[in-house]
Protein backbone atom coordinates (compact mmCIF):
# COMPACT_ATOMS: atom_id res chain seq x y z
CA MET A 1 2.90 10.36 34.68
CA SER A 2 0.12 12.04 32.73
CA LYS A 3 2.75 14.16 30.94
CA LYS A 4 4.50 10.96 29.81
CA PHE A 5 1.23 9.48 28.66
CA ASN A 6 0.40 12.69 26.80
CA VAL A 7 3.79 12.69 25.11
CA GLN A 8 3.37 9.01 24.15
CA THR A 9 -0.10 9.73 22.78
CA LEU A 10 1.13 12.76 20.85
CA VAL A 11 4.05 10.86 19.34
CA GLY A 12 1.92 7.84 18.54
CA MET A 13 -0.76 9.95 16.92
CA GLY A 14 1.84 11.89 14.96
CA ILE A 15 3.30 8.65 13.58
CA LEU A 16 -0.13 7.26 12.71
CA THR A 17 -1.12 10.57 11.07
CA ALA A 18 2.01 10.49 8.94
CA ILE A 19 1.31 6.84 7.99
CA VAL A 20 -2.24 7.77 6.95
CA ILE A 21 -0.93 10.58 4.75
CA VAL A 22 1.74 8.45 3.06
CA LEU A 23 -0.47 5.40 2.53
CA GLN A 24 -3.32 7.43 1.05
CA GLY A 25 -0.84 9.18 -1.24
CA LEU A 26 0.49 5.80 -2.40
CA ALA A 27 -2.96 4.21 -2.62
CA SER A 28 -4.24 6.87 -4.97
CA ALA A 29 -2.25 5.10 -7.70
CA ILE A 30 -3.70 1.62 -6.99
CA ARG A 31 -7.12 1.16 -8.53
CA PHE A 32 -9.65 -1.63 -8.62
CA GLY A 33 -12.57 -0.18 -10.55
CA PRO A 34 -13.11 3.59 -10.74
CA PHE A 35 -11.58 4.47 -7.34
CA SER A 36 -8.36 3.77 -5.54
CA ILE A 37 -8.43 1.28 -2.70
CA THR A 38 -8.06 2.45 0.86
CA LEU A 39 -4.95 1.25 2.58
CA VAL A 40 -5.28 3.58 5.56
CA LEU A 41 -8.00 1.76 7.46
CA ALA A 42 -5.47 -0.34 9.39
CA PRO A 43 -3.69 2.64 10.93
CA ILE A 44 -7.08 4.17 11.72
CA ILE A 45 -8.09 0.95 13.52
CA ILE A 46 -4.75 0.90 15.42
CA GLY A 47 -5.16 4.54 16.47
CA ALA A 48 -8.82 4.05 17.44
CA ALA A 49 -8.02 0.89 19.42
CA PHE A 50 -5.04 2.29 21.25
CA TYR A 51 -6.03 5.91 21.78
CA GLY A 52 -9.85 5.78 21.56
CA TRP A 53 -12.61 6.93 19.28
CA LYS A 54 -11.39 10.59 19.22
CA ALA A 55 -8.12 9.40 17.76
CA GLY A 56 -10.07 7.33 15.25
CA ALA A 57 -12.06 10.43 14.32
CA TRP A 58 -8.85 12.47 13.87
CA LEU A 59 -7.15 9.82 11.72
CA GLY A 60 -10.36 9.42 9.69
CA PHE A 61 -10.48 13.19 9.20
CA VAL A 62 -6.88 13.19 7.94
CA PHE A 63 -7.81 10.28 5.61
CA GLY A 64 -10.82 12.30 4.33
CA VAL A 65 -8.65 15.35 3.63
CA MET A 66 -6.14 13.19 1.76
CA VAL A 67 -8.97 11.68 -0.33
CA LEU A 68 -10.08 15.18 -1.16
CA LEU A 69 -6.53 16.07 -2.24
CA THR A 70 -5.73 12.88 -4.17
CA ASP A 71 -8.87 11.12 -5.38
CA ALA A 72 -12.00 13.27 -5.39
CA GLY A 73 -11.62 15.27 -8.59
CA ALA A 74 -14.60 13.76 -10.44
CA PHE A 75 -16.92 14.44 -7.49
CA LEU A 76 -15.52 17.88 -6.74
CA ALA A 77 -16.39 18.92 -10.32
CA ILE A 78 -20.03 17.96 -9.64
CA ASN A 79 -20.72 19.11 -6.06
CA VAL A 80 -18.03 20.65 -3.90
CA PRO A 81 -19.89 20.76 -0.56
CA GLY A 82 -21.27 17.23 -1.09
CA THR A 83 -17.83 15.93 -1.86
CA ILE A 84 -16.29 17.58 1.19
CA ILE A 85 -19.08 16.34 3.52
CA THR A 86 -18.90 12.81 2.12
CA CYS A 87 -15.12 12.46 2.20
CA LEU A 88 -14.66 13.87 5.70
CA LEU A 89 -17.66 12.14 7.23
CA LYS A 90 -16.86 8.67 5.85
CA GLY A 91 -13.35 8.70 7.27
CA MET A 92 -14.29 10.22 10.61
CA LEU A 93 -17.24 7.89 11.22
CA ALA A 94 -15.19 4.85 10.21
CA GLY A 95 -12.60 5.82 12.88
CA VAL A 96 -15.22 6.63 15.53
CA VAL A 97 -17.12 3.40 15.03
CA ALA A 98 -13.94 1.27 14.89
CA GLY A 99 -12.81 2.83 18.17
CA ALA A 100 -16.19 2.34 19.84
CA VAL A 101 -16.48 -1.28 18.69
CA TYR A 102 -12.95 -2.05 19.86
CA LYS A 103 -13.54 -0.49 23.24
CA LEU A 104 -16.80 -2.41 23.64
CA LEU A 105 -15.21 -5.78 22.91
CA GLU A 106 -11.59 -5.32 24.09
CA LYS A 107 -12.03 -6.60 27.64
CA LYS A 108 -13.95 -9.68 26.53
CA ASN A 109 -11.61 -10.70 23.73
CA GLN A 110 -8.91 -8.62 22.01
CA TRP A 111 -8.97 -10.78 18.89
CA ALA A 112 -12.73 -10.32 18.53
CA ALA A 113 -12.31 -6.59 19.13
CA VAL A 114 -9.72 -6.20 16.37
CA LEU A 115 -11.51 -8.48 13.89
CA THR A 116 -14.82 -6.75 14.44
CA SER A 117 -13.18 -3.33 14.12
CA ALA A 118 -11.44 -4.54 10.93
CA VAL A 119 -14.83 -5.45 9.50
CA VAL A 120 -16.78 -2.45 10.77
CA CYS A 121 -14.26 0.17 9.59
CA PRO A 122 -14.55 -0.54 5.82
CA VAL A 123 -18.32 -1.17 6.13
CA VAL A 124 -18.80 2.32 7.65
CA ASN A 125 -16.34 3.91 5.22
CA THR A 126 -18.05 2.42 2.15
CA GLY A 127 -21.57 2.76 3.58
CA VAL A 128 -21.20 6.47 4.26
CA PHE A 129 -19.62 6.91 0.81
CA LEU A 130 -22.64 5.22 -0.75
CA ILE A 131 -25.05 7.35 1.25
CA GLY A 132 -23.17 10.45 0.12
CA CYS A 133 -23.37 9.27 -3.46
CA VAL A 134 -27.14 8.84 -3.18
CA LEU A 135 -27.60 12.22 -1.49
CA PHE A 136 -25.27 14.29 -3.64
CA PHE A 137 -24.39 12.45 -6.84
CA LEU A 138 -27.18 9.99 -7.73
CA SER A 139 -27.98 11.32 -11.18
CA THR A 140 -24.29 11.36 -12.16
CA VAL A 141 -23.68 7.88 -10.78
CA ARG A 142 -26.77 6.64 -12.59
CA GLU A 143 -25.31 8.06 -15.85
CA TRP A 144 -21.98 6.40 -15.17
CA GLY A 145 -23.74 3.11 -14.52
CA ALA A 146 -25.72 3.38 -17.78
CA ALA A 147 -22.53 4.17 -19.68
CA ASN A 148 -21.01 1.00 -18.22
CA GLY A 149 -23.98 -1.17 -19.21
CA TYR A 150 -25.86 -1.25 -15.91
CA GLU A 151 -29.62 -0.68 -16.12
CA ASN A 152 -29.98 -0.57 -12.31
CA VAL A 153 -27.99 2.00 -10.34
CA GLY A 154 -28.05 -0.28 -7.28
CA ALA A 155 -26.33 -3.04 -9.26
CA TYR A 156 -23.76 -0.54 -10.48
CA PHE A 157 -23.08 0.64 -6.91
CA LEU A 158 -22.48 -2.93 -5.73
CA PHE A 159 -20.73 -4.51 -8.71
CA GLY A 160 -19.17 -1.77 -10.79
CA PHE A 161 -18.71 1.20 -8.51
CA VAL A 162 -17.45 0.19 -5.07
CA GLY A 163 -17.95 -3.55 -4.70
CA VAL A 164 -14.47 -4.70 -5.69
CA ASN A 165 -12.79 -1.90 -3.73
CA PHE A 166 -14.82 -2.76 -0.64
CA LEU A 167 -13.86 -6.45 -0.85
CA VAL A 168 -10.17 -5.64 -1.34
CA GLU A 169 -10.26 -3.21 1.63
CA MET A 170 -12.03 -5.80 3.80
CA VAL A 171 -9.52 -8.53 2.93
CA ILE A 172 -6.57 -6.20 3.59
CA ASN A 173 -7.98 -5.33 7.01
CA LEU A 174 -8.66 -8.94 7.93
CA VAL A 175 -5.17 -10.01 6.79
CA LEU A 176 -3.60 -7.17 8.74
CA SER A 177 -5.61 -8.03 11.90
CA THR A 178 -2.87 -10.30 13.18
CA ALA A 179 -0.31 -7.56 12.72
CA ILE A 180 -2.61 -5.06 14.39
CA ILE A 181 -2.91 -7.34 17.43
CA ARG A 182 0.86 -7.61 17.67
CA ILE A 183 1.32 -3.85 17.31
CA LEU A 184 -1.25 -3.19 20.03
CA ASN A 185 0.41 -5.70 22.37
CA ILE A 186 3.90 -4.26 21.75
CA ILE A 187 2.72 -0.70 22.33
CA LYS A 188 0.59 -1.50 25.39
CA LYS A 189 3.26 -3.53 27.24
CA PRO A 190 5.79 -0.69 27.55
CA ALA A 191 3.00 1.73 28.46
CA ALA A 192 1.71 -0.66 31.12
CA SER A 193 5.21 -1.28 32.56
CA ALA A 194 5.82 2.48 32.73
CA GLU A 195 2.93 2.79 35.21
């Protein structure tokens, strides 16, 4: 029985990992503002919800690696270690927190668990990105803001730098929440009947 579960987990995680890679590759061409939007948060939420926070961390790590390969050139030119830390940490923590929140709320209400995870995941992803920007790239981001007509770097962070991307990512996650619920229910029913 545990072998079957391990095989199911391995296959499911392999599929979700492939989806994360493909979606991030495609998303690197879709931009709202200076950065591409993140389409991979939904598979991270699905993996974290179904397989736990460790799966969320893995999928977030893969997402971070893909961001490094597809969308981090401007930051890599400024600070390589800071870029690597920021990209990997933002994805991993988004997956860990989404998984923890889902697990905490799942038994009370699956809809609330998915919706809360769908909100928390982009908040953590963007929040850690902003913290990384402050720690490693503040002077550069301040220059970019000034070049775009912002006197205050905080206003640039919120309105010119990541604000639109964050809102788009949040809406995508909330819209996909219904699909995520259905996917979770489809996957869990065969697993439950196999027991």
